[in-house]
């Protein structure tokens, strides 16, 4: 690595980060899956028309499918609007279709 690249790669050198604050407070989280392309409303309708939704059950979808077809922000908004709970485990999103209080035991 050249000295020029090393100096330009660190935000401290450019004054982008205040060195008096902890590093995590200065970082902005921008999900890699945010995109401006249109989403698939038919996929969303199919997801939330499953029998498990009406029965207070559980939905599980692969994260890559959600990001491709709907987008994380849209999924989160839909889950919140319905009062459901969204969990992330490994490469899956788990939606608990029950607006009741949720407790995680372990």
PDB file of N, CA and C in Angstrom:
ATOM      1  N   UNK A   1       0.856  -1.176   0.000  1.00  0.00           N
ATOM      2  CA  UNK A   1       0.000   0.000   0.000  1.00  0.00           C
ATOM      3  C   UNK A   1       0.898   1.234   0.000  1.00  0.00           C
ATOM      4  N   UNK A   2       0.632   2.122  -0.921  1.00  0.00           N
ATOM      5  CA  UNK A   2       1.451   3.331  -0.984  1.00  0.00           C
ATOM      6  C   UNK A   2       1.082   4.275   0.157  1.00  0.00           C
ATOM      7  N   UNK A   3       1.999   5.157   0.473  1.00  0.00           N
ATOM      8  CA  UNK A   3       1.769   6.113   1.551  1.00  0.00           C
ATOM      9  C   UNK A   3       0.600   7.031   1.221  1.00  0.00           C
ATOM     10  N   UNK A   4       0.438   7.410  -0.048  1.00  0.00           N
ATOM     11  CA  UNK A   4      -0.656   8.280  -0.465  1.00  0.00           C
ATOM     12  C   UNK A   4      -2.008   7.593  -0.239  1.00  0.00           C
ATOM     13  N   UNK A   5      -2.109   6.308  -0.647  1.00  0.00           N
ATOM     14  CA  UNK A   5      -3.353   5.569  -0.449  1.00  0.00           C
ATOM     15  C   UNK A   5      -3.657   5.424   1.043  1.00  0.00           C
ATOM     16  N   UNK A   6      -2.661   5.127   1.829  1.00  0.00           N
ATOM     17  CA  UNK A   6      -2.838   4.957   3.264  1.00  0.00           C
ATOM     18  C   UNK A   6      -3.404   6.235   3.886  1.00  0.00           C
ATOM     19  N   UNK A   7      -2.865   7.360   3.504  1.00  0.00           N
ATOM     20  CA  UNK A   7      -3.319   8.643   4.058  1.00  0.00           C
ATOM     21  C   UNK A   7      -4.745   8.964   3.623  1.00  0.00           C
ATOM     22  N   UNK A   8      -5.106   8.606   2.398  1.00  0.00           N
ATOM     23  CA  UNK A   8      -6.440   8.929   1.886  1.00  0.00           C
ATOM     24  C   UNK A   8      -7.514   7.952   2.352  1.00  0.00           C
ATOM     25  N   UNK A   9      -7.132   6.772   2.792  1.00  0.00           N
ATOM     26  CA  UNK A   9      -8.105   5.758   3.183  1.00  0.00           C
ATOM     27  C   UNK A   9      -8.663   5.974   4.582  1.00  0.00           C
ATOM     28  N   UNK A  10      -8.008   6.737   5.393  1.00  0.00           N
ATOM     29  CA  UNK A  10      -8.457   6.924   6.761  1.00  0.00           C
ATOM     30  C   UNK A  10      -9.172   8.256   6.921  1.00  0.00           C
ATOM     31  N   UNK A  11     -10.413   8.249   7.398  1.00  0.00           N
ATOM     32  CA  UNK A  11     -11.193   9.483   7.528  1.00  0.00           C
ATOM     33  C   UNK A  11     -10.607  10.464   8.535  1.00  0.00           C
ATOM     34  N   UNK A  12      -9.786   9.989   9.487  1.00  0.00           N
ATOM     35  CA  UNK A  12      -9.173  10.912  10.441  1.00  0.00           C
ATOM     36  C   UNK A  12      -8.304  11.930   9.709  1.00  0.00           C
ATOM     37  N   UNK A  13      -7.628  11.486   8.666  1.00  0.00           N
ATOM     38  CA  UNK A  13      -6.720  12.347   7.918  1.00  0.00           C
ATOM     39  C   UNK A  13      -7.460  13.462   7.201  1.00  0.00           C
ATOM     40  N   UNK A  14      -8.670  13.187   6.771  1.00  0.00           N
ATOM     41  CA  UNK A  14      -9.430  14.174   6.014  1.00  0.00           C
ATOM     42  C   UNK A  14     -10.308  15.039   6.906  1.00  0.00           C
ATOM     43  N   UNK A  15     -10.342  14.766   8.215  1.00  0.00           N
ATOM     44  CA  UNK A  15     -11.171  15.538   9.125  1.00  0.00           C
ATOM     45  C   UNK A  15     -12.640  15.156   9.076  1.00  0.00           C
ATOM     46  N   UNK A  16     -12.956  13.986   8.508  1.00  0.00           N
ATOM     47  CA  UNK A  16     -14.346  13.559   8.412  1.00  0.00           C
ATOM     48  C   UNK A  16     -14.885  13.052   9.737  1.00  0.00           C
ATOM     49  N   UNK A  17     -13.998  12.619  10.615  1.00  0.00           N
ATOM     50  CA  UNK A  17     -14.419  12.069  11.896  1.00  0.00           C
ATOM     51  C   UNK A  17     -13.777  12.874  13.015  1.00  0.00           C
ATOM     52  N   UNK A  18     -14.578  13.234  13.986  1.00  0.00           N
ATOM     53  CA  UNK A  18     -14.079  13.931  15.154  1.00  0.00           C
ATOM     54  C   UNK A  18     -13.355  12.927  16.038  1.00  0.00           C
ATOM     55  N   UNK A  19     -12.071  13.109  16.232  1.00  0.00           N
ATOM     56  CA  UNK A  19     -11.269  12.144  16.970  1.00  0.00           C
ATOM     57  C   UNK A  19     -11.576  12.142  18.460  1.00  0.00           C
ATOM     58  N   UNK A  20     -12.313  13.124  18.952  1.00  0.00           N
ATOM     59  CA  UNK A  20     -12.643  13.195  20.375  1.00  0.00           C
ATOM     60  C   UNK A  20     -13.870  12.354  20.734  1.00  0.00           C
ATOM     61  N   UNK A  21     -14.619  11.876  19.724  1.00  0.00           N
ATOM     62  CA  UNK A  21     -15.802  11.057  19.965  1.00  0.00           C
ATOM     63  C   UNK A  21     -15.472   9.605  19.659  1.00  0.00           C
ATOM     64  N   UNK A  22     -16.146   8.671  20.320  1.00  0.00           N
ATOM     65  CA  UNK A  22     -15.942   7.260  19.988  1.00  0.00           C
ATOM     66  C   UNK A  22     -16.251   7.002  18.515  1.00  0.00           C
ATOM     67  N   UNK A  23     -15.546   6.062  17.926  1.00  0.00           N
ATOM     68  CA  UNK A  23     -15.660   5.775  16.501  1.00  0.00           C
ATOM     69  C   UNK A  23     -17.091   5.410  16.092  1.00  0.00           C
ATOM     70  N   UNK A  24     -17.807   4.624  16.882  1.00  0.00           N
ATOM     71  CA  UNK A  24     -19.137   4.174  16.492  1.00  0.00           C
ATOM     72  C   UNK A  24     -20.144   5.309  16.397  1.00  0.00           C
ATOM     73  N   UNK A  25     -19.978   6.360  17.169  1.00  0.00           N
ATOM     74  CA  UNK A  25     -20.914   7.482  17.119  1.00  0.00           C
ATOM     75  C   UNK A  25     -20.786   8.241  15.810  1.00  0.00           C
ATOM     76  N   UNK A  26     -19.623   8.164  15.167  1.00  0.00           N
ATOM     77  CA  UNK A  26     -19.385   8.896  13.930  1.00  0.00           C
ATOM     78  C   UNK A  26     -19.789   8.121  12.686  1.00  0.00           C
ATOM     79  N   UNK A  27     -20.012   6.834  12.822  1.00  0.00           N
ATOM     80  CA  UNK A  27     -20.295   6.003  11.658  1.00  0.00           C
ATOM     81  C   UNK A  27     -21.772   6.074  11.294  1.00  0.00           C
ATOM     82  N   UNK A  28     -22.047   6.125  10.025  1.00  0.00           N
ATOM     83  CA  UNK A  28     -23.412   6.121   9.515  1.00  0.00           C
ATOM     84  C   UNK A  28     -23.675   4.759   8.904  1.00  0.00           C
ATOM     85  N   UNK A  29     -24.807   4.141   9.262  1.00  0.00           N
ATOM     86  CA  UNK A  29     -25.155   2.835   8.708  1.00  0.00           C
ATOM     87  C   UNK A  29     -25.995   3.037   7.462  1.00  0.00           C
ATOM     88  N   UNK A  30     -25.483   2.568   6.339  1.00  0.00           N
ATOM     89  CA  UNK A  30     -26.224   2.599   5.090  1.00  0.00           C
ATOM     90  C   UNK A  30     -26.298   1.170   4.571  1.00  0.00           C
ATOM     91  N   UNK A  31     -27.470   0.531   4.677  1.00  0.00           N
ATOM     92  CA  UNK A  31     -27.582  -0.853   4.230  1.00  0.00           C
ATOM     93  C   UNK A  31     -27.197  -1.002   2.765  1.00  0.00           C
ATOM     94  N   UNK A  32     -26.495  -2.096   2.443  1.00  0.00           N
ATOM     95  CA  UNK A  32     -26.036  -2.324   1.086  1.00  0.00           C
ATOM     96  C   UNK A  32     -27.177  -2.605   0.126  1.00  0.00           C
ATOM     97  N   UNK A  33     -28.349  -2.944   0.647  1.00  0.00           N
ATOM     98  CA  UNK A  33     -29.441  -3.351  -0.214  1.00  0.00           C
ATOM     99  C   UNK A  33     -30.396  -2.218  -0.543  1.00  0.00           C
ATOM    100  N   UNK A  34     -30.089  -0.986  -0.100  1.00  0.00           N
ATOM    101  CA  UNK A  34     -30.957   0.120  -0.457  1.00  0.00           C
ATOM    102  C   UNK A  34     -30.764   0.445  -1.933  1.00  0.00           C
ATOM    103  N   UNK A  35     -31.824   0.556  -2.650  1.00  0.00           N
ATOM    104  CA  UNK A  35     -31.759   0.858  -4.061  1.00  0.00           C
ATOM    105  C   UNK A  35     -33.003   1.642  -4.450  1.00  0.00           C
ATOM    106  N   UNK A  36     -32.905   2.376  -5.523  1.00  0.00           N
ATOM    107  CA  UNK A  36     -34.030   3.216  -5.930  1.00  0.00           C
ATOM    108  C   UNK A  36     -34.916   2.522  -6.965  1.00  0.00           C
ATOM    109  N   UNK A  37     -34.630   1.264  -7.296  1.00  0.00           N
ATOM    110  CA  UNK A  37     -35.432   0.589  -8.317  1.00  0.00           C
ATOM    111  C   UNK A  37     -36.834   0.285  -7.782  1.00  0.00           C
ATOM    112  N   UNK A  38     -37.807   0.159  -8.661  1.00  0.00           N
ATOM    113  CA  UNK A  38     -39.168  -0.148  -8.229  1.00  0.00           C
ATOM    114  C   UNK A  38     -39.251  -1.515  -7.544  1.00  0.00           C
ATOM    115  N   UNK A  39     -40.150  -1.649  -6.600  1.00  0.00           N
ATOM    116  CA  UNK A  39     -40.335  -2.894  -5.876  1.00  0.00           C
ATOM    117  C   UNK A  39     -41.515  -3.660  -6.439  1.00  0.00           C
ATOM    118  N   UNK A  40     -41.721  -4.838  -5.943  1.00  0.00           N
ATOM    119  CA  UNK A  40     -42.722  -5.749  -6.468  1.00  0.00           C
ATOM    120  C   UNK A  40     -43.938  -5.809  -5.536  1.00  0.00           C
ATOM    121  N   UNK A  41     -44.979  -5.019  -5.816  1.00  0.00           N
ATOM    122  CA  UNK A  41     -46.164  -5.025  -4.932  1.00  0.00           C
ATOM    123  C   UNK A  41     -46.903  -6.362  -4.951  1.00  0.00           C
ATOM    124  N   UNK A  42     -46.831  -7.115  -6.041  1.00  0.00           N
ATOM    125  CA  UNK A  42     -47.489  -8.421  -6.098  1.00  0.00           C
ATOM    126  C   UNK A  42     -46.826  -9.396  -5.119  1.00  0.00           C
ATOM    127  N   UNK A  43     -45.501  -9.310  -4.991  1.00  0.00           N
ATOM    128  CA  UNK A  43     -44.784 -10.177  -4.056  1.00  0.00           C
ATOM    129  C   UNK A  43     -45.183  -9.844  -2.624  1.00  0.00           C
ATOM    130  N   UNK A  44     -45.300  -8.539  -2.333  1.00  0.00           N
ATOM    131  CA  UNK A  44     -45.726  -8.100  -1.000  1.00  0.00           C
ATOM    132  C   UNK A  44     -47.141  -8.594  -0.694  1.00  0.00           C
ATOM    133  N   UNK A  45     -48.031  -8.472  -1.659  1.00  0.00           N
ATOM    134  CA  UNK A  45     -49.414  -8.927  -1.462  1.00  0.00           C
ATOM    135  C   UNK A  45     -49.452 -10.435  -1.219  1.00  0.00           C
ATOM    136  N   UNK A  46     -48.644 -11.188  -1.971  1.00  0.00           N
ATOM    137  CA  UNK A  46     -48.589 -12.637  -1.791  1.00  0.00           C
ATOM    138  C   UNK A  46     -48.055 -12.995  -0.412  1.00  0.00           C
ATOM    139  N   UNK A  47     -47.030 -12.282   0.031  1.00  0.00           N
ATOM    140  CA  UNK A  47     -46.421 -12.550   1.340  1.00  0.00           C
ATOM    141  C   UNK A  47     -47.434 -12.364   2.461  1.00  0.00           C
ATOM    142  N   UNK A  48     -48.145 -11.241   2.440  1.00  0.00           N
ATOM    143  CA  UNK A  48     -49.058 -10.929   3.538  1.00  0.00           C
ATOM    144  C   UNK A  48     -50.471 -11.482   3.326  1.00  0.00           C
ATOM    145  N   UNK A  49     -50.671 -12.276   2.278  1.00  0.00           N
ATOM    146  CA  UNK A  49     -51.956 -12.959   2.123  1.00  0.00           C
ATOM    147  C   UNK A  49     -51.850 -14.433   2.511  1.00  0.00           C
ATOM    148  N   UNK A  50     -50.708 -14.834   3.035  1.00  0.00           N
ATOM    149  CA  UNK A  50     -50.515 -16.222   3.468  1.00  0.00           C
ATOM    150  C   UNK A  50     -51.470 -16.558   4.611  1.00  0.00           C
ATOM    151  N   UNK A  51     -51.817 -17.825   4.726  1.00  0.00           N
ATOM    152  CA  UNK A  51     -52.732 -18.264   5.783  1.00  0.00           C
ATOM    153  C   UNK A  51     -52.189 -17.946   7.175  1.00  0.00           C
ATOM    154  N   UNK A  52     -50.873 -17.999   7.326  1.00  0.00           N
ATOM    155  CA  UNK A  52     -50.257 -17.750   8.637  1.00  0.00           C
ATOM    156  C   UNK A  52     -50.541 -16.332   9.139  1.00  0.00           C
ATOM    157  N   UNK A  53     -50.692 -15.387   8.231  1.00  0.00           N
ATOM    158  CA  UNK A  53     -50.962 -14.001   8.643  1.00  0.00           C
ATOM    159  C   UNK A  53     -52.316 -13.924   9.343  1.00  0.00           C
ATOM    160  N   UNK A  54     -53.326 -14.519   8.748  1.00  0.00           N
ATOM    161  CA  UNK A  54     -54.665 -14.482   9.331  1.00  0.00           C
ATOM    162  C   UNK A  54     -54.803 -15.313  10.599  1.00  0.00           C
ATOM    163  N   UNK A  55     -53.949 -16.330  10.727  1.00  0.00           N
ATOM    164  CA  UNK A  55     -54.038 -17.226  11.880  1.00  0.00           C
ATOM    165  C   UNK A  55     -53.096 -16.827  13.013  1.00  0.00           C
ATOM    166  N   UNK A  56     -52.397 -15.709  12.847  1.00  0.00           N
ATOM    167  CA  UNK A  56     -51.457 -15.282  13.886  1.00  0.00           C
ATOM    168  C   UNK A  56     -50.210 -16.139  13.929  1.00  0.00           C
ATOM    169  N   UNK A  57     -49.827 -16.696  12.804  1.00  0.00           N
ATOM    170  CA  UNK A  57     -48.679 -17.595  12.725  1.00  0.00           C
ATOM    171  C   UNK A  57     -47.368 -16.890  12.444  1.00  0.00           C
ATOM    172  N   UNK A  58     -46.479 -17.616  11.799  1.00  0.00           N
ATOM    173  CA  UNK A  58     -45.123 -17.140  11.548  1.00  0.00           C
ATOM    174  C   UNK A  58     -44.819 -17.254  10.059  1.00  0.00           C
ATOM    175  N   UNK A  59     -44.214 -16.198   9.497  1.00  0.00           N
ATOM    176  CA  UNK A  59     -43.724 -16.209   8.118  1.00  0.00           C
ATOM    177  C   UNK A  59     -42.204 -16.200   8.152  1.00  0.00           C
ATOM    178  N   UNK A  60     -41.600 -16.889   7.192  1.00  0.00           N
ATOM    179  CA  UNK A  60     -40.141 -16.897   7.102  1.00  0.00           C
ATOM    180  C   UNK A  60     -39.768 -16.728   5.642  1.00  0.00           C
ATOM    181  N   UNK A  61     -38.883 -15.769   5.372  1.00  0.00           N
ATOM    182  CA  UNK A  61     -38.420 -15.534   4.012  1.00  0.00           C
ATOM    183  C   UNK A  61     -36.922 -15.287   4.016  1.00  0.00           C
ATOM    184  N   UNK A  62     -36.270 -15.725   2.967  1.00  0.00           N
ATOM    185  CA  UNK A  62     -34.835 -15.513   2.812  1.00  0.00           C
ATOM    186  C   UNK A  62     -34.559 -14.025   2.622  1.00  0.00           C
ATOM    187  N   UNK A  63     -33.532 -13.526   3.296  1.00  0.00           N
ATOM    188  CA  UNK A  63     -33.220 -12.099   3.248  1.00  0.00           C
ATOM    189  C   UNK A  63     -32.947 -11.619   1.827  1.00  0.00           C
ATOM    190  N   UNK A  64     -32.228 -12.407   1.053  1.00  0.00           N
ATOM    191  CA  UNK A  64     -31.906 -11.982  -0.311  1.00  0.00           C
ATOM    192  C   UNK A  64     -33.172 -11.838  -1.158  1.00  0.00           C
ATOM    193  N   UNK A  65     -34.177 -12.696  -0.929  1.00  0.00           N
ATOM    194  CA  UNK A  65     -35.447 -12.576  -1.654  1.00  0.00           C
ATOM    195  C   UNK A  65     -36.175 -11.296  -1.267  1.00  0.00           C
ATOM    196  N   UNK A  66     -36.193 -10.994   0.034  1.00  0.00           N
ATOM    197  CA  UNK A  66     -36.853  -9.774   0.503  1.00  0.00           C
ATOM    198  C   UNK A  66     -36.172  -8.546  -0.078  1.00  0.00           C
ATOM    199  N   UNK A  67     -34.846  -8.515  -0.064  1.00  0.00           N
ATOM    200  CA  UNK A  67     -34.107  -7.359  -0.579  1.00  0.00           C
ATOM    201  C   UNK A  67     -34.336  -7.189  -2.073  1.00  0.00           C
ATOM    202  N   UNK A  68     -34.414  -8.292  -2.810  1.00  0.00           N
ATOM    203  CA  UNK A  68     -34.609  -8.238  -4.254  1.00  0.00           C
ATOM    204  C   UNK A  68     -36.030  -7.824  -4.615  1.00  0.00           C
ATOM    205  N   UNK A  69     -37.017  -8.403  -3.960  1.00  0.00           N
ATOM    206  CA  UNK A  69     -38.410  -8.219  -4.363  1.00  0.00           C
ATOM    207  C   UNK A  69     -39.115  -7.037  -3.699  1.00  0.00           C
ATOM    208  N   UNK A  70     -38.739  -6.732  -2.464  1.00  0.00           N
ATOM    209  CA  UNK A  70     -39.494  -5.738  -1.707  1.00  0.00           C
ATOM    210  C   UNK A  70     -38.614  -4.631  -1.153  1.00  0.00           C
ATOM    211  N   UNK A  71     -37.504  -4.995  -0.555  1.00  0.00           N
ATOM    212  CA  UNK A  71     -36.634  -4.024   0.111  1.00  0.00           C
ATOM    213  C   UNK A  71     -36.883  -4.047   1.604  1.00  0.00           C
ATOM    214  N   UNK A  72     -35.814  -3.871   2.361  1.00  0.00           N
ATOM    215  CA  UNK A  72     -35.908  -3.943   3.816  1.00  0.00           C
ATOM    216  C   UNK A  72     -36.816  -2.858   4.382  1.00  0.00           C
ATOM    217  N   UNK A  73     -36.672  -1.617   3.897  1.00  0.00           N
ATOM    218  CA  UNK A  73     -37.482  -0.513   4.421  1.00  0.00           C
ATOM    219  C   UNK A  73     -38.972  -0.778   4.217  1.00  0.00           C
ATOM    220  N   UNK A  74     -39.337  -1.274   3.044  1.00  0.00           N
ATOM    221  CA  UNK A  74     -40.740  -1.556   2.751  1.00  0.00           C
ATOM    222  C   UNK A  74     -41.262  -2.697   3.633  1.00  0.00           C
ATOM    223  N   UNK A  75     -40.441  -3.735   3.832  1.00  0.00           N
ATOM    224  CA  UNK A  75     -40.854  -4.829   4.711  1.00  0.00           C
ATOM    225  C   UNK A  75     -41.058  -4.331   6.136  1.00  0.00           C
ATOM    226  N   UNK A  76     -40.120  -3.556   6.621  1.00  0.00           N
ATOM    227  CA  UNK A  76     -40.209  -3.023   7.975  1.00  0.00           C
ATOM    228  C   UNK A  76     -41.451  -2.153   8.143  1.00  0.00           C
ATOM    229  N   UNK A  77     -41.733  -1.303   7.155  1.00  0.00           N
ATOM    230  CA  UNK A  77     -42.919  -0.446   7.223  1.00  0.00           C
ATOM    231  C   UNK A  77     -44.205  -1.276   7.239  1.00  0.00           C
ATOM    232  N   UNK A  78     -44.248  -2.311   6.422  1.00  0.00           N
ATOM    233  CA  UNK A  78     -45.440  -3.167   6.361  1.00  0.00           C
ATOM    234  C   UNK A  78     -45.640  -3.923   7.675  1.00  0.00           C
ATOM    235  N   UNK A  79     -44.571  -4.440   8.231  1.00  0.00           N
ATOM    236  CA  UNK A  79     -44.660  -5.177   9.496  1.00  0.00           C
ATOM    237  C   UNK A  79     -45.102  -4.245  10.621  1.00  0.00           C
ATOM    238  N   UNK A  80     -44.523  -3.057  10.680  1.00  0.00           N
ATOM    239  CA  UNK A  80     -44.906  -2.078  11.714  1.00  0.00           C
ATOM    240  C   UNK A  80     -46.356  -1.657  11.569  1.00  0.00           C
ATOM    241  N   UNK A  81     -46.807  -1.432  10.330  1.00  0.00           N
ATOM    242  CA  UNK A  81     -48.186  -0.990  10.105  1.00  0.00           C
ATOM    243  C   UNK A  81     -49.189  -2.034  10.599  1.00  0.00           C
ATOM    244  N   UNK A  82     -48.816  -3.298  10.530  1.00  0.00           N
ATOM    245  CA  UNK A  82     -49.700  -4.366  10.979  1.00  0.00           C
ATOM    246  C   UNK A  82     -49.533  -4.683  12.461  1.00  0.00           C
ATOM    247  N   UNK A  83     -48.518  -4.099  13.100  1.00  0.00           N
ATOM    248  CA  UNK A  83     -48.278  -4.355  14.514  1.00  0.00           C
ATOM    249  C   UNK A  83     -47.587  -5.681  14.776  1.00  0.00           C
ATOM    250  N   UNK A  84     -47.002  -6.281  13.731  1.00  0.00           N
ATOM    251  CA  UNK A  84     -46.319  -7.566  13.868  1.00  0.00           C
ATOM    252  C   UNK A  84     -44.887  -7.358  14.353  1.00  0.00           C
ATOM    253  N   UNK A  85     -44.158  -8.459  14.492  1.00  0.00           N
ATOM    254  CA  UNK A  85     -42.767  -8.421  14.952  1.00  0.00           C
ATOM    255  C   UNK A  85     -41.866  -8.996  13.861  1.00  0.00           C
ATOM    256  N   UNK A  86     -40.705  -8.372  13.653  1.00  0.00           N
ATOM    257  CA  UNK A  86     -39.753  -8.830  12.644  1.00  0.00           C
ATOM    258  C   UNK A  86     -38.459  -9.238  13.328  1.00  0.00           C
ATOM    259  N   UNK A  87     -38.025 -10.464  13.055  1.00  0.00           N
ATOM    260  CA  UNK A  87     -36.765 -10.985  13.585  1.00  0.00           C
ATOM    261  C   UNK A  87     -35.841 -11.291  12.419  1.00  0.00           C
ATOM    262  N   UNK A  88     -34.552 -11.236  12.681  1.00  0.00           N
ATOM    263  CA  UNK A  88     -33.557 -11.609  11.683  1.00  0.00           C
ATOM    264  C   UNK A  88     -32.683 -12.694  12.296  1.00  0.00           C
ATOM    265  N   UNK A  89     -32.575 -13.810  11.605  1.00  0.00           N
ATOM    266  CA  UNK A  89     -31.771 -14.923  12.102  1.00  0.00           C
ATOM    267  C   UNK A  89     -31.032 -15.545  10.923  1.00  0.00           C
ATOM    268  N   UNK A  90     -29.715 -15.409  10.915  1.00  0.00           N
ATOM    269  CA  UNK A  90     -28.925 -15.932   9.806  1.00  0.00           C
ATOM    270  C   UNK A  90     -29.299 -15.250   8.507  1.00  0.00           C
ATOM    271  N   UNK A  91     -29.674 -16.027   7.505  1.00  0.00           N
ATOM    272  CA  UNK A  91     -30.053 -15.451   6.213  1.00  0.00           C
ATOM    273  C   UNK A  91     -31.571 -15.396   6.033  1.00  0.00           C
ATOM    274  N   UNK A  92     -32.314 -15.383   7.148  1.00  0.00           N
ATOM    275  CA  UNK A  92     -33.774 -15.393   7.110  1.00  0.00           C
ATOM    276  C   UNK A  92     -34.364 -14.219   7.893  1.00  0.00           C
ATOM    277  N   UNK A  93     -35.496 -13.722   7.409  1.00  0.00           N
ATOM    278  CA  UNK A  93     -36.337 -12.821   8.186  1.00  0.00           C
ATOM    279  C   UNK A  93     -37.507 -13.651   8.684  1.00  0.00           C
ATOM    280  N   UNK A  94     -37.850 -13.485   9.937  1.00  0.00           N
ATOM    281  CA  UNK A  94     -38.977 -14.188  10.536  1.00  0.00           C
ATOM    282  C   UNK A  94     -39.985 -13.129  10.983  1.00  0.00           C
ATOM    283  N   UNK A  95     -41.203 -13.251  10.504  1.00  0.00           N
ATOM    284  CA  UNK A  95     -42.267 -12.307  10.851  1.00  0.00           C
ATOM    285  C   UNK A  95     -43.260 -13.040  11.742  1.00  0.00           C
ATOM    286  N   UNK A  96     -43.448 -12.541  12.943  1.00  0.00           N
ATOM    287  CA  UNK A  96     -44.429 -13.108  13.861  1.00  0.00           C
ATOM    288  C   UNK A  96     -45.709 -12.301  13.673  1.00  0.00           C
ATOM    289  N   UNK A  97     -46.725 -12.943  13.152  1.00  0.00           N
ATOM    290  CA  UNK A  97     -47.969 -12.280  12.762  1.00  0.00           C
ATOM    291  C   UNK A  97     -48.950 -12.195  13.922  1.00  0.00           C
ATOM    292  N   UNK A  98     -48.489 -11.676  15.008  1.00  0.00           N
ATOM    293  CA  UNK A  98     -49.311 -11.517  16.194  1.00  0.00           C
ATOM    294  C   UNK A  98     -48.899 -10.202  16.850  1.00  0.00           C
ATOM    295  N   UNK A  99     -49.821  -9.267  17.015  1.00  0.00           N
ATOM    296  CA  UNK A  99     -49.463  -7.964  17.574  1.00  0.00           C
ATOM    297  C   UNK A  99     -49.251  -7.969  19.087  1.00  0.00           C
ATOM    298  N   UNK A 100     -49.410  -9.120  19.718  1.00  0.00           N
ATOM    299  CA  UNK A 100     -49.251  -9.203  21.172  1.00  0.00           C
ATOM    300  C   UNK A 100     -47.813  -8.969  21.613  1.00  0.00           C
ATOM    301  N   UNK A 101     -47.647  -8.836  22.904  1.00  0.00           N
ATOM    302  CA  UNK A 101     -46.319  -8.610  23.479  1.00  0.00           C
ATOM    303  C   UNK A 101     -45.437  -9.818  23.201  1.00  0.00           C
ATOM    304  N   UNK A 102     -44.190  -9.569  22.875  1.00  0.00           N
ATOM    305  CA  UNK A 102     -43.252 -10.638  22.570  1.00  0.00           C
ATOM    306  C   UNK A 102     -42.153 -10.656  23.618  1.00  0.00           C
ATOM    307  N   UNK A 103     -41.826 -11.847  24.097  1.00  0.00           N
ATOM    308  CA  UNK A 103     -40.746 -12.025  25.051  1.00  0.00           C
ATOM    309  C   UNK A 103     -39.771 -13.065  24.503  1.00  0.00           C
ATOM    310  N   UNK A 104     -38.499 -12.762  24.517  1.00  0.00           N
ATOM    311  CA  UNK A 104     -37.492 -13.720  24.083  1.00  0.00           C
ATOM    312  C   UNK A 104     -36.876 -14.316  25.338  1.00  0.00           C
ATOM    313  N   UNK A 105     -36.939 -15.635  25.475  1.00  0.00           N
ATOM    314  CA  UNK A 105     -36.445 -16.303  26.673  1.00  0.00           C
ATOM    315  C   UNK A 105     -34.999 -16.708  26.566  1.00  0.00           C
ATOM    316  N   UNK A 106     -34.533 -17.098  25.416  1.00  0.00           N
ATOM    317  CA  UNK A 106     -33.119 -17.425  25.266  1.00  0.00           C
ATOM    318  C   UNK A 106     -32.712 -17.346  23.822  1.00  0.00           C
TER     319      UNK A 106
END
